[in-house]
Protein backbone atom coordinates (compact mmCIF):
# COMPACT_ATOMS: atom_id res chain seq x y z
CA UNK A 1 5.05 8.60 -3.80
CA UNK A 2 8.14 8.44 -1.60
CA UNK A 3 6.91 11.41 0.44
CA UNK A 4 3.54 9.72 0.97
CA UNK A 5 5.15 6.48 2.17
CA UNK A 6 7.59 8.36 4.43
CA UNK A 7 4.86 10.50 6.01
CA UNK A 8 4.45 9.47 9.67
CA UNK A 9 0.90 10.86 10.02
CA UNK A 10 -1.86 8.39 10.71
CA UNK A 11 -4.30 10.13 8.36
CA UNK A 12 -3.36 11.90 5.14
CA UNK A 13 -5.29 13.95 2.64
CA UNK A 14 -3.84 13.71 -0.83
CA UNK A 15 -4.71 15.73 -3.90
CA UNK A 16 -3.59 13.78 -6.95
CA UNK A 17 -4.45 13.17 -10.57
CA UNK A 18 -5.62 9.85 -11.95
CA UNK A 19 -2.97 7.31 -12.92
CA UNK A 20 -0.41 8.81 -10.49
CA UNK A 21 0.71 5.46 -9.08
CA UNK A 22 -0.85 5.91 -5.66
CA UNK A 23 -2.30 2.39 -5.58
CA UNK A 24 1.22 1.06 -5.98
CA UNK A 25 2.54 3.45 -3.32
CA UNK A 26 -0.13 2.41 -0.81
CA UNK A 27 0.40 -1.27 -1.59
CA UNK A 28 4.13 -0.90 -0.93
CA UNK A 29 3.43 1.02 2.27
CA UNK A 30 1.06 -1.71 3.51
CA UNK A 31 3.64 -4.37 2.69
CA UNK A 32 6.43 -2.48 4.47
CA UNK A 33 4.26 -2.10 7.58
CA UNK A 34 3.25 -5.77 7.53
CA UNK A 35 6.88 -6.90 7.28
CA UNK A 36 8.19 -4.38 9.83
CA UNK A 37 5.77 -4.74 12.74
CA UNK A 38 4.91 -7.91 14.68
CA UNK A 39 1.23 -8.85 14.87
CA UNK A 40 0.32 -6.13 12.40
CA UNK A 41 -3.04 -6.39 10.65
CA UNK A 42 -3.76 -4.62 7.39
CA UNK A 43 -7.37 -4.11 6.36
CA UNK A 44 -8.03 -3.26 2.73
CA UNK A 45 -11.27 -1.32 2.60
CA UNK A 46 -12.67 -0.05 -0.68
CA UNK A 47 -16.08 0.87 -2.02
CA UNK A 48 -16.08 -2.29 -4.14
CA UNK A 49 -14.59 -5.77 -3.90
CA UNK A 50 -12.99 -5.18 -7.30
CA UNK A 51 -10.95 -2.28 -5.89
CA UNK A 52 -9.89 -4.32 -2.84
CA UNK A 53 -8.87 -7.21 -5.10
CA UNK A 54 -6.81 -4.83 -7.22
CA UNK A 55 -4.99 -3.52 -4.15
CA UNK A 56 -4.28 -7.08 -3.01
CA UNK A 57 -2.81 -7.88 -6.43
CA UNK A 58 -0.47 -4.89 -6.09
CA UNK A 59 0.60 -6.01 -2.60
CA UNK A 60 1.28 -9.57 -3.82
CA UNK A 61 3.20 -8.28 -6.83
CA UNK A 62 5.35 -6.06 -4.60
CA UNK A 63 6.02 -8.98 -2.24
CA UNK A 64 7.12 -11.22 -5.12
CA UNK A 65 9.59 -8.53 -6.25
CA UNK A 66 11.40 -8.38 -2.91
CA UNK A 67 14.85 -9.96 -2.97
CA UNK A 68 15.31 -11.49 0.47
CA UNK A 69 18.96 -12.18 1.43
């Protein structure tokens, strides 16, 4: 997961098993980008609204767990 988040490539192809924590990794990556860059827009695109809602829940959960100084 750390290697995926640290990868600077714009597009990535990932071979992974189910339940590998990639939704969490991508949610954290989206949150990091949103907090790091000014005027940054993140679009969550999934085949279903249910999947997009799930990703948004992961992003919100990650944001709540940040300890700002």
